[in-house]
């Protein structure tokens, strides 16, 4: 089933305000648990919630008396992400099959996704899977001499081999200590 999705532009303050409104709803916690089960297709050890791609879960009232629907605000990792439609469909299907219906998934491209939205658990799981997690913040200008820590042996003795690794959001590095190549997830 092909799902149509809306594009929203919400700033961070608006999203934080919306989230505060619905904290009292017990279904919201259950929906977040369902969304946590949806893996990112490019990084299957991480969920879309680990990556911070789900920005908000909000209730709305339908025309049918007493029925509550659910709006999910979703931000893909970049505006041209080929998995956006797939993930929107996954969100819709997962929540509908879990008894939350109707569901509207709105894609929000502004503010753009940033690696700052990844949670600490996601960074640790990247490291455990051999990918160096982003170091620092996307808001900071990285130093040219910044040492990327090897995810295998934790050495700071690393060198950049290529600005691009297995995907555009990663750079390829090599550890001078253990001699292993590894991807570094760049701060975006």
Protein backbone atom coordinates (compact mmCIF):
# COMPACT_ATOMS: atom_id res chain seq x y z
CA UNK A 1 0.00 0.00 0.00
CA UNK A 2 1.49 3.29 -1.05
CA UNK A 3 1.17 5.89 1.68
CA UNK A 4 0.88 9.61 1.02
CA UNK A 5 2.62 11.84 3.51
CA UNK A 6 2.54 15.51 4.33
CA UNK A 7 5.62 17.65 4.76
CA UNK A 8 5.70 19.83 7.87
CA UNK A 9 7.98 22.64 8.92
CA UNK A 10 8.16 22.90 12.70
CA UNK A 11 10.89 24.48 14.74
CA UNK A 12 12.35 22.77 17.80
CA UNK A 13 10.39 24.95 20.25
CA UNK A 14 7.10 24.03 18.56
CA UNK A 15 7.98 20.32 18.71
CA UNK A 16 8.99 20.50 22.38
CA UNK A 17 5.76 22.33 23.22
CA UNK A 18 3.67 19.74 21.36
CA UNK A 19 5.41 16.88 23.15
CA UNK A 20 4.74 18.43 26.57
CA UNK A 21 1.01 18.55 25.79
CA UNK A 22 0.75 14.77 25.31
CA UNK A 23 3.04 13.46 28.04
CA UNK A 24 0.00 12.54 30.15
CA UNK A 25 -1.42 10.12 27.55
CA UNK A 26 -0.53 6.46 28.35
CA UNK A 27 -0.90 5.45 24.70
CA UNK A 28 1.98 7.74 23.76
CA UNK A 29 4.47 5.56 25.67
CA UNK A 30 3.09 2.43 23.96
CA UNK A 31 3.39 4.07 20.54
CA UNK A 32 7.01 5.04 21.22
CA UNK A 33 7.70 1.41 22.17
CA UNK A 34 6.20 0.26 18.85
CA UNK A 35 8.24 2.82 16.91
CA UNK A 36 11.40 1.66 18.70
CA UNK A 37 10.94 -1.73 16.96
CA UNK A 38 11.36 -0.19 13.48
CA UNK A 39 14.97 -0.59 12.35
CA UNK A 40 16.76 1.87 10.11
CA UNK A 41 17.33 0.03 6.79
CA UNK A 42 20.90 1.32 6.47
CA UNK A 43 21.85 0.71 10.12
CA UNK A 44 19.70 -2.28 11.17
CA UNK A 45 21.13 -2.37 14.71
CA UNK A 46 19.51 1.04 15.31
CA UNK A 47 15.86 2.00 15.42
CA UNK A 48 14.32 5.13 14.01
CA UNK A 49 13.84 6.34 17.60
CA UNK A 50 17.51 5.65 18.46
CA UNK A 51 18.46 7.93 15.58
CA UNK A 52 16.01 10.63 16.67
CA UNK A 53 14.03 10.44 13.43
CA UNK A 54 10.68 10.43 15.26
CA UNK A 55 10.19 13.98 16.47
CA UNK A 56 6.75 13.74 18.08
CA UNK A 57 3.70 11.55 18.63
CA UNK A 58 0.50 13.57 18.92
CA UNK A 59 -3.17 12.64 19.38
CA UNK A 60 -5.91 14.10 17.21
CA UNK A 61 -9.67 13.71 17.37
CA UNK A 62 -11.42 12.14 14.43
CA UNK A 63 -14.88 12.93 13.14
CA UNK A 64 -16.18 9.76 14.80
CA UNK A 65 -17.20 10.57 18.37
CA UNK A 66 -14.74 9.44 20.98
CA UNK A 67 -12.10 8.14 18.59
CA UNK A 68 -8.51 9.35 18.86
CA UNK A 69 -6.10 9.15 15.95
CA UNK A 70 -2.34 9.50 16.08
CA UNK A 71 0.00 11.81 14.22
CA UNK A 72 3.68 10.89 14.01
CA UNK A 73 6.12 13.61 13.01
CA UNK A 74 9.07 11.97 11.26
CA UNK A 75 12.33 13.51 10.01
CA UNK A 76 14.46 11.43 7.60
CA UNK A 77 18.23 11.59 7.96
CA UNK A 78 18.39 13.69 4.81
CA UNK A 79 15.81 15.21 2.49
CA UNK A 80 16.57 12.88 -0.43
CA UNK A 81 16.67 9.70 1.66
CA UNK A 82 15.42 6.84 -0.55
CA UNK A 83 14.06 5.02 2.53
CA UNK A 84 11.65 7.81 3.49
CA UNK A 85 8.58 6.29 1.83
CA UNK A 86 9.49 2.83 3.12
CA UNK A 87 9.85 4.12 6.70
CA UNK A 88 6.61 6.12 6.51
CA UNK A 89 4.84 2.91 5.44
CA UNK A 90 6.56 0.95 8.23
CA UNK A 91 5.42 3.48 10.83
CA UNK A 92 1.85 3.39 9.52
CA UNK A 93 1.73 -0.42 9.31
CA UNK A 94 3.39 -1.03 12.69
CA UNK A 95 1.06 1.31 14.56
CA UNK A 96 -2.07 0.15 12.73
CA UNK A 97 -1.26 -3.51 13.41
CA UNK A 98 -0.69 -2.61 17.08
CA UNK A 99 -4.21 -1.18 17.33
CA UNK A 100 -3.46 2.51 16.92
CA UNK A 101 -5.65 3.81 14.15
CA UNK A 102 -6.05 6.07 12.32
CA UNK A 103 -2.41 7.06 11.90
CA UNK A 104 -1.07 10.06 10.00
CA UNK A 105 2.66 10.28 9.37
CA UNK A 106 3.92 13.77 8.58
CA UNK A 107 7.43 14.19 7.22
CA UNK A 108 9.18 17.23 8.66
CA UNK A 109 12.25 18.42 6.77
CA UNK A 110 12.75 21.53 8.87
CA UNK A 111 14.64 21.51 11.08
CA UNK A 112 16.84 19.06 9.21
CA UNK A 113 17.92 15.87 10.97
CA UNK A 114 21.24 16.06 12.77
CA UNK A 115 23.48 13.47 14.42
CA UNK A 116 22.94 15.46 17.62
CA UNK A 117 19.51 13.76 17.81
CA UNK A 118 21.07 10.27 18.16
CA UNK A 119 20.78 8.91 21.68
CA UNK A 120 23.72 7.58 23.72
CA UNK A 121 22.60 3.98 23.24
CA UNK A 122 22.69 4.43 19.45
CA UNK A 123 26.24 5.77 19.61
CA UNK A 124 27.32 2.80 21.74
CA UNK A 125 25.72 0.29 19.36
CA UNK A 126 27.45 1.95 16.39
CA UNK A 127 30.76 1.52 18.21
CA UNK A 128 29.96 -2.13 19.00
CA UNK A 129 29.22 -2.79 15.32
CA UNK A 130 32.58 -1.35 14.24
CA UNK A 131 31.44 2.14 13.22
CA UNK A 132 32.93 5.12 15.02
CA UNK A 133 30.02 7.27 16.25
CA UNK A 134 29.89 11.02 15.64
CA UNK A 135 32.27 12.91 17.88
CA UNK A 136 31.25 16.35 19.05
CA UNK A 137 28.23 18.26 17.85
CA UNK A 138 27.01 19.14 14.39
CA UNK A 139 26.94 22.78 15.54
CA UNK A 140 30.70 22.80 16.15
CA UNK A 141 33.23 23.28 13.41
CA UNK A 142 35.42 20.15 13.50
CA UNK A 143 39.13 20.67 13.87
CA UNK A 144 41.18 19.36 10.96
CA UNK A 145 43.44 17.60 13.42
CA UNK A 146 40.59 15.99 15.40
CA UNK A 147 41.42 12.44 16.35
CA UNK A 148 38.69 9.92 15.59
CA UNK A 149 38.67 7.08 18.11
CA UNK A 150 38.95 3.55 16.68
CA UNK A 151 35.76 1.59 17.52
CA UNK A 152 37.74 -1.66 17.76
CA UNK A 153 40.73 -0.87 19.99
CA UNK A 154 39.87 2.68 21.24
CA UNK A 155 43.12 4.10 19.89
CA UNK A 156 43.34 7.79 19.02
CA UNK A 157 46.01 6.96 16.43
CA UNK A 158 43.80 6.99 13.34
CA UNK A 159 43.97 8.47 9.86
CA UNK A 160 41.35 9.43 7.30
CA UNK A 161 41.59 7.37 4.13
CA UNK A 162 38.61 8.87 2.32
CA UNK A 163 36.07 11.61 3.00
CA UNK A 164 33.37 9.11 2.03
CA UNK A 165 32.92 5.59 3.39
CA UNK A 166 30.22 3.02 2.72
CA UNK A 167 27.66 5.86 2.55
CA UNK A 168 27.87 9.63 2.08
CA UNK A 169 27.31 10.23 5.81
CA UNK A 170 30.39 8.22 6.73
CA UNK A 171 34.12 8.73 6.19
CA UNK A 172 36.62 5.88 5.86
CA UNK A 173 39.38 5.73 8.48
CA UNK A 174 42.19 3.34 9.38
CA UNK A 175 43.58 2.69 12.82
CA UNK A 176 47.37 2.92 13.04
CA UNK A 177 47.32 0.75 16.18
CA UNK A 178 45.25 -2.29 15.11
CA UNK A 179 45.57 -1.52 11.35
CA UNK A 180 41.84 -2.10 10.79
CA UNK A 181 39.80 0.16 8.48
CA UNK A 182 36.51 1.50 9.86
CA UNK A 183 33.67 3.85 9.00
CA UNK A 184 33.24 7.07 10.96
CA UNK A 185 29.69 8.46 11.13
CA UNK A 186 30.27 12.15 10.43
CA UNK A 187 28.63 14.91 12.45
CA UNK A 188 25.81 16.20 10.29
